Amino acid sequence: MSLAPPPRSTGPNLPTPPAWLNQAAERLRRIVERLPVQPPSFVLARVLDRMLLPRLPADARAALGNRTVEISISDLGLCVRLQLAPGGFRVAPSGSETALRIVAPASSYLRLLRGQDDADRLFFERLLVMEGDTEMGLVLKNTLDAIGPLWR
């Protein structure tokens, strides 16, 4: 008899994935988490330059500027490190201190981007974790709430 918890459903009315798929996903996650953070960080920086930067108010740019934010997608093993510079988003320099770390599964990030959930709900459901500078986290959260969905 196994003491492991039963696999979770992937959403409402969706069947639980087969064990072999969960095992394959776990193997892939272990590989991805060993990869360097620069390539995915660069890609996300370019996406944010197009989707977020034009909508970002000046006061939020000042509060978030030149501070490193680490975003981890827990179920994929993917981690990106970004800074907001005067010219836009960029890959955070190696060795820069992380001011704010955000961790969540990919589905939670997608729900946030689409406006289907808000960060408070995900935080209290323990699907989103923020660590580090509380004030910076609140500025980021409130700014994103005011802007609205980034992806429809």
C-alpha atoms as a PDB file:
ATOM      1  CA  MET A   1       0.000   0.000   0.000  1.00  0.00           C
ATOM      2  CA  SER A   2       1.380   3.394  -1.029  1.00  0.00           C
ATOM      3  CA  LEU A   3       1.348   6.308   1.373  1.00  0.00           C
ATOM      4  CA  ALA A   4       1.825   8.875  -1.400  1.00  0.00           C
ATOM      5  CA  PRO A   5      -1.067  11.293  -1.880  1.00  0.00           C
ATOM      6  CA  PRO A   6      -3.273  10.671  -4.883  1.00  0.00           C
ATOM      7  CA  PRO A   7      -2.411  12.661  -8.016  1.00  0.00           C
ATOM      8  CA  ARG A   8      -4.264  15.957  -8.209  1.00  0.00           C
ATOM      9  CA  SER A   9      -6.696  16.749 -10.927  1.00  0.00           C
ATOM     10  CA  THR A  10      -5.398  19.349 -13.387  1.00  0.00           C
ATOM     11  CA  GLY A  11      -8.554  21.439 -13.093  1.00  0.00           C
ATOM     12  CA  PRO A  12     -12.316  21.259 -12.913  1.00  0.00           C
ATOM     13  CA  ASN A  13     -13.783  18.361 -14.872  1.00  0.00           C
ATOM     14  CA  LEU A  14     -10.362  17.266 -16.127  1.00  0.00           C
ATOM     15  CA  PRO A  15      -9.121  13.734 -15.533  1.00  0.00           C
ATOM     16  CA  THR A  16      -6.037  13.045 -13.467  1.00  0.00           C
ATOM     17  CA  PRO A  17      -3.057  12.525 -15.789  1.00  0.00           C
ATOM     18  CA  PRO A  18      -1.608   9.012 -16.003  1.00  0.00           C
ATOM     19  CA  ALA A  19       1.366   8.153 -13.794  1.00  0.00           C
ATOM     20  CA  TRP A  20       3.770   7.850 -16.750  1.00  0.00           C
ATOM     21  CA  LEU A  21       2.985  11.437 -17.788  1.00  0.00           C
ATOM     22  CA  ASN A  22       3.645  12.733 -14.263  1.00  0.00           C
ATOM     23  CA  GLN A  23       6.959  10.835 -14.208  1.00  0.00           C
ATOM     24  CA  ALA A  24       7.986  12.231 -17.586  1.00  0.00           C
ATOM     25  CA  ALA A  25       7.087  15.759 -16.455  1.00  0.00           C
ATOM     26  CA  GLU A  26       9.169  15.332 -13.302  1.00  0.00           C
ATOM     27  CA  ARG A  27      12.192  14.138 -15.318  1.00  0.00           C
ATOM     28  CA  LEU A  28      11.817  17.103 -17.673  1.00  0.00           C
ATOM     29  CA  ARG A  29      11.538  19.525 -14.714  1.00  0.00           C
ATOM     30  CA  ARG A  30      14.797  18.173 -13.255  1.00  0.00           C
ATOM     31  CA  ILE A  31      16.546  18.833 -16.577  1.00  0.00           C
ATOM     32  CA  VAL A  32      15.070  22.313 -17.053  1.00  0.00           C
ATOM     33  CA  GLU A  33      16.018  23.485 -13.552  1.00  0.00           C
ATOM     34  CA  ARG A  34      19.695  22.804 -14.376  1.00  0.00           C
ATOM     35  CA  LEU A  35      19.675  25.059 -17.440  1.00  0.00           C
ATOM     36  CA  PRO A  36      21.086  28.612 -17.254  1.00  0.00           C
ATOM     37  CA  VAL A  37      18.602  31.360 -16.403  1.00  0.00           C
ATOM     38  CA  GLN A  38      19.841  33.865 -19.000  1.00  0.00           C
ATOM     39  CA  PRO A  39      18.033  32.595 -22.148  1.00  0.00           C
ATOM     40  CA  PRO A  40      14.529  32.387 -20.636  1.00  0.00           C
ATOM     41  CA  SER A  41      15.165  35.632 -18.720  1.00  0.00           C
ATOM     42  CA  PHE A  42      16.067  37.388 -21.979  1.00  0.00           C
ATOM     43  CA  VAL A  43      12.913  36.096 -23.684  1.00  0.00           C
ATOM     44  CA  LEU A  44      10.667  37.175 -20.799  1.00  0.00           C
ATOM     45  CA  ALA A  45      12.343  40.603 -20.705  1.00  0.00           C
ATOM     46  CA  ARG A  46      11.506  41.157 -24.397  1.00  0.00           C
ATOM     47  CA  VAL A  47       7.897  39.990 -23.843  1.00  0.00           C
ATOM     48  CA  LEU A  48       7.483  42.327 -20.853  1.00  0.00           C
ATOM     49  CA  ASP A  49       8.960  45.208 -22.859  1.00  0.00           C
ATOM     50  CA  ARG A  50       6.081  44.777 -25.317  1.00  0.00           C
ATOM     51  CA  MET A  51       3.224  43.772 -23.010  1.00  0.00           C
ATOM     52  CA  LEU A  52       3.913  45.547 -19.711  1.00  0.00           C
ATOM     53  CA  LEU A  53       6.398  48.400 -20.144  1.00  0.00           C
ATOM     54  CA  PRO A  54       4.110  50.699 -22.194  1.00  0.00           C
ATOM     55  CA  ARG A  55       1.407  50.367 -19.504  1.00  0.00           C
ATOM     56  CA  LEU A  56       3.727  50.764 -16.499  1.00  0.00           C
ATOM     57  CA  PRO A  57       3.268  54.113 -14.677  1.00  0.00           C
ATOM     58  CA  ALA A  58       6.328  56.256 -13.928  1.00  0.00           C
ATOM     59  CA  ASP A  59       5.999  55.870 -10.141  1.00  0.00           C
ATOM     60  CA  ALA A  60       5.986  52.070 -10.455  1.00  0.00           C
ATOM     61  CA  ARG A  61       9.017  52.219 -12.781  1.00  0.00           C
ATOM     62  CA  ALA A  62      10.879  54.231 -10.158  1.00  0.00           C
ATOM     63  CA  ALA A  63       9.920  51.882  -7.310  1.00  0.00           C
ATOM     64  CA  LEU A  64      10.845  48.722  -9.234  1.00  0.00           C
ATOM     65  CA  GLY A  65      13.875  50.093 -11.097  1.00  0.00           C
ATOM     66  CA  ASN A  66      17.244  48.324 -10.959  1.00  0.00           C
ATOM     67  CA  ARG A  67      16.104  45.759  -8.410  1.00  0.00           C
ATOM     68  CA  THR A  68      16.260  42.058  -9.157  1.00  0.00           C
ATOM     69  CA  VAL A  69      13.054  40.039  -9.294  1.00  0.00           C
ATOM     70  CA  GLU A  70      13.296  36.262  -9.538  1.00  0.00           C
ATOM     71  CA  ILE A  71      10.298  34.440 -10.990  1.00  0.00           C
ATOM     72  CA  SER A  72      10.182  30.672 -10.526  1.00  0.00           C
ATOM     73  CA  ILE A  73       7.707  28.411 -12.275  1.00  0.00           C
ATOM     74  CA  SER A  74       7.709  25.596  -9.766  1.00  0.00           C
ATOM     75  CA  ASP A  75       6.136  22.801 -11.809  1.00  0.00           C
ATOM     76  CA  LEU A  76       8.434  23.399 -14.796  1.00  0.00           C
ATOM     77  CA  GLY A  77      11.637  23.986 -12.834  1.00  0.00           C
ATOM     78  CA  LEU A  78      12.073  27.247 -14.752  1.00  0.00           C
ATOM     79  CA  CYS A  79      13.588  30.329 -13.134  1.00  0.00           C
ATOM     80  CA  VAL A  80      14.110  33.798 -14.580  1.00  0.00           C
ATOM     81  CA  ARG A  81      15.855  36.822 -13.063  1.00  0.00           C
ATOM     82  CA  LEU A  82      14.973  40.299 -14.290  1.00  0.00           C
ATOM     83  CA  GLN A  83      15.572  43.951 -13.582  1.00  0.00           C
ATOM     84  CA  LEU A  84      13.731  47.001 -14.831  1.00  0.00           C
ATOM     85  CA  ALA A  85      16.311  49.417 -16.257  1.00  0.00           C
ATOM     86  CA  PRO A  86      15.641  52.893 -17.718  1.00  0.00           C
ATOM     87  CA  GLY A  87      15.504  51.398 -21.230  1.00  0.00           C
ATOM     88  CA  GLY A  88      13.248  48.459 -20.345  1.00  0.00           C
ATOM     89  CA  PHE A  89      13.484  45.024 -18.822  1.00  0.00           C
ATOM     90  CA  ARG A  90      16.808  43.191 -18.846  1.00  0.00           C
ATOM     91  CA  VAL A  91      18.411  40.019 -17.549  1.00  0.00           C
ATOM     92  CA  ALA A  92      19.593  40.612 -13.982  1.00  0.00           C
ATOM     93  CA  PRO A  93      23.376  40.642 -13.710  1.00  0.00           C
ATOM     94  CA  SER A  94      24.962  37.502 -12.270  1.00  0.00           C
ATOM     95  CA  GLY A  95      25.447  37.788  -8.548  1.00  0.00           C
ATOM     96  CA  SER A  96      22.890  40.577  -8.096  1.00  0.00           C
ATOM     97  CA  GLU A  97      20.941  40.326  -4.867  1.00  0.00           C
ATOM     98  CA  THR A  98      17.331  39.201  -5.294  1.00  0.00           C
ATOM     99  CA  ALA A  99      14.964  41.821  -3.885  1.00  0.00           C
ATOM    100  CA  LEU A 100      11.781  39.841  -4.574  1.00  0.00           C
ATOM    101  CA  ARG A 101      11.197  36.170  -5.362  1.00  0.00           C
ATOM    102  CA  ILE A 102       7.888  34.933  -6.741  1.00  0.00           C
ATOM    103  CA  VAL A 103       7.141  31.199  -6.959  1.00  0.00           C
ATOM    104  CA  ALA A 104       4.030  29.588  -8.467  1.00  0.00           C
ATOM    105  CA  PRO A 105       3.045  26.815 -10.862  1.00  0.00           C
ATOM    106  CA  ALA A 106       2.571  27.733 -14.533  1.00  0.00           C
ATOM    107  CA  SER A 107      -1.217  27.501 -14.301  1.00  0.00           C
ATOM    108  CA  SER A 108      -1.296  30.180 -11.578  1.00  0.00           C
ATOM    109  CA  TYR A 109       0.797  32.571 -13.666  1.00  0.00           C
ATOM    110  CA  LEU A 110      -1.502  32.010 -16.652  1.00  0.00           C
ATOM    111  CA  ARG A 111      -4.580  32.716 -14.527  1.00  0.00           C
ATOM    112  CA  LEU A 112      -2.950  35.952 -13.322  1.00  0.00           C
ATOM    113  CA  LEU A 113      -1.977  37.043 -16.842  1.00  0.00           C
ATOM    114  CA  ARG A 114      -5.492  36.407 -18.115  1.00  0.00           C
ATOM    115  CA  GLY A 115      -7.159  38.138 -15.171  1.00  0.00           C
ATOM    116  CA  GLN A 116      -8.951  34.940 -14.115  1.00  0.00           C
ATOM    117  CA  ASP A 117      -7.532  35.159 -10.574  1.00  0.00           C
ATOM    118  CA  ASP A 118      -5.867  37.796  -8.495  1.00  0.00           C
ATOM    119  CA  ALA A 119      -2.601  37.477  -6.598  1.00  0.00           C
ATOM    120  CA  ASP A 120      -4.283  37.731  -3.191  1.00  0.00           C
ATOM    121  CA  ARG A 121      -6.445  34.692  -3.817  1.00  0.00           C
ATOM    122  CA  LEU A 122      -3.538  32.637  -5.132  1.00  0.00           C
ATOM    123  CA  PHE A 123      -1.387  33.765  -2.192  1.00  0.00           C
ATOM    124  CA  PHE A 124      -3.983  32.725   0.401  1.00  0.00           C
ATOM    125  CA  GLU A 125      -4.549  29.410  -1.402  1.00  0.00           C
ATOM    126  CA  ARG A 126      -0.762  28.886  -1.177  1.00  0.00           C
ATOM    127  CA  LEU A 127      -0.445  28.662  -4.948  1.00  0.00           C
ATOM    128  CA  LEU A 128       1.734  31.777  -5.123  1.00  0.00           C
ATOM    129  CA  VAL A 129       4.610  32.598  -2.786  1.00  0.00           C
ATOM    130  CA  MET A 130       6.345  35.976  -2.541  1.00  0.00           C
ATOM    131  CA  GLU A 131       9.575  36.301  -0.570  1.00  0.00           C
ATOM    132  CA  GLY A 132      11.790  39.291   0.038  1.00  0.00           C
ATOM    133  CA  ASP A 133      11.021  43.009   0.029  1.00  0.00           C
ATOM    134  CA  THR A 134       7.368  43.265   1.114  1.00  0.00           C
ATOM    135  CA  GLU A 135       7.003  46.865  -0.019  1.00  0.00           C
ATOM    136  CA  MET A 136       8.320  46.052  -3.484  1.00  0.00           C
ATOM    137  CA  GLY A 137       5.976  43.065  -3.670  1.00  0.00           C
ATOM    138  CA  LEU A 138       2.992  45.271  -2.820  1.00  0.00           C
ATOM    139  CA  VAL A 139       3.997  47.889  -5.392  1.00  0.00           C
ATOM    140  CA  LEU A 140       4.287  45.189  -8.056  1.00  0.00           C
ATOM    141  CA  LYS A 141       0.995  43.523  -7.068  1.00  0.00           C
ATOM    142  CA  ASN A 142      -0.963  46.798  -6.878  1.00  0.00           C
ATOM    143  CA  THR A 143       0.474  48.003 -10.184  1.00  0.00           C
ATOM    144  CA  LEU A 144      -0.448  44.782 -11.966  1.00  0.00           C
ATOM    145  CA  ASP A 145      -3.932  44.874 -10.398  1.00  0.00           C
ATOM    146  CA  ALA A 146      -4.430  48.446 -11.650  1.00  0.00           C
ATOM    147  CA  ILE A 147      -3.191  47.603 -15.166  1.00  0.00           C
ATOM    148  CA  GLY A 148      -5.480  44.602 -15.531  1.00  0.00           C
ATOM    149  CA  PRO A 149      -4.973  41.444 -17.588  1.00  0.00           C
ATOM    150  CA  LEU A 150      -1.858  41.411 -19.756  1.00  0.00           C
ATOM    151  CA  TRP A 151      -3.026  38.565 -21.953  1.00  0.00           C
ATOM    152  CA  ARG A 152      -6.581  37.888 -23.066  1.00  0.00           C
END
